[in-house]
């Protein structure tokens, strides 16, 4: 399973996550200023702040 993560570039705060049940080899992504995405098969890419906000770790 792959995970698609959408996050803010400035502070790496997670906006949304999607679990993909099929392996994605190619995709087209809408470019939104200040937003980035990551596709990973790892689940340990997140960290949670003391206030409960979720961020993407530096990979």
Protein backbone atom coordinates (compact mmCIF):
# COMPACT_ATOMS: atom_id res chain seq x y z
CA UNK A 1 0.00 0.00 0.00
CA UNK A 2 1.16 3.52 -0.76
CA UNK A 3 0.33 6.72 1.08
CA UNK A 4 -0.15 10.05 -0.70
CA UNK A 5 0.56 12.95 1.64
CA UNK A 6 -0.35 16.56 0.83
CA UNK A 7 1.44 19.12 3.01
CA UNK A 8 2.43 22.78 3.29
CA UNK A 9 5.94 23.47 1.99
CA UNK A 10 6.67 26.19 4.55
CA UNK A 11 6.30 24.18 7.77
CA UNK A 12 5.60 20.62 6.49
CA UNK A 13 2.17 20.59 8.20
CA UNK A 14 -0.02 17.78 6.83
CA UNK A 15 -3.14 18.90 4.95
CA UNK A 16 -4.42 15.48 3.84
CA UNK A 17 -3.41 11.84 3.49
CA UNK A 18 -4.75 9.16 1.15
CA UNK A 19 -4.15 5.42 1.33
CA UNK A 20 -3.78 3.94 -2.15
CA UNK A 21 -4.58 0.24 -2.50
CA UNK A 22 -2.92 -0.10 -5.91
CA UNK A 23 0.65 0.76 -6.79
CA UNK A 24 0.84 4.10 -8.57
CA UNK A 25 3.61 4.34 -11.14
CA UNK A 26 2.51 7.55 -12.86
CA UNK A 27 0.26 10.43 -11.89
CA UNK A 28 -0.56 14.00 -12.83
CA UNK A 29 -0.79 16.43 -9.94
CA UNK A 30 -2.42 19.84 -9.85
CA UNK A 31 0.19 22.39 -8.81
CA UNK A 32 -0.92 24.57 -5.91
CA UNK A 33 1.49 27.29 -4.73
CA UNK A 34 2.90 26.56 -1.28
CA UNK A 35 1.70 22.96 -1.28
CA UNK A 36 3.70 19.82 -1.97
CA UNK A 37 2.97 16.10 -2.08
CA UNK A 38 4.79 12.90 -1.28
CA UNK A 39 4.04 9.29 -2.21
CA UNK A 40 5.54 6.73 0.16
CA UNK A 41 5.16 3.14 1.26
CA UNK A 42 6.53 4.01 4.71
CA UNK A 43 4.20 4.85 7.59
CA UNK A 44 6.81 6.32 9.94
CA UNK A 45 7.07 9.60 8.02
CA UNK A 46 4.82 11.58 10.39
CA UNK A 47 5.46 13.33 13.68
CA UNK A 48 2.86 14.80 16.01
CA UNK A 49 3.40 18.06 17.88
CA UNK A 50 2.32 18.56 21.50
CA UNK A 51 -0.79 20.40 20.30
CA UNK A 52 -1.86 17.44 18.10
CA UNK A 53 -0.88 18.89 14.73
CA UNK A 54 0.70 16.38 12.35
CA UNK A 55 3.83 17.13 10.31
CA UNK A 56 5.89 15.28 7.69
CA UNK A 57 9.38 14.37 8.93
CA UNK A 58 12.41 15.33 6.90
CA UNK A 59 13.06 12.38 4.63
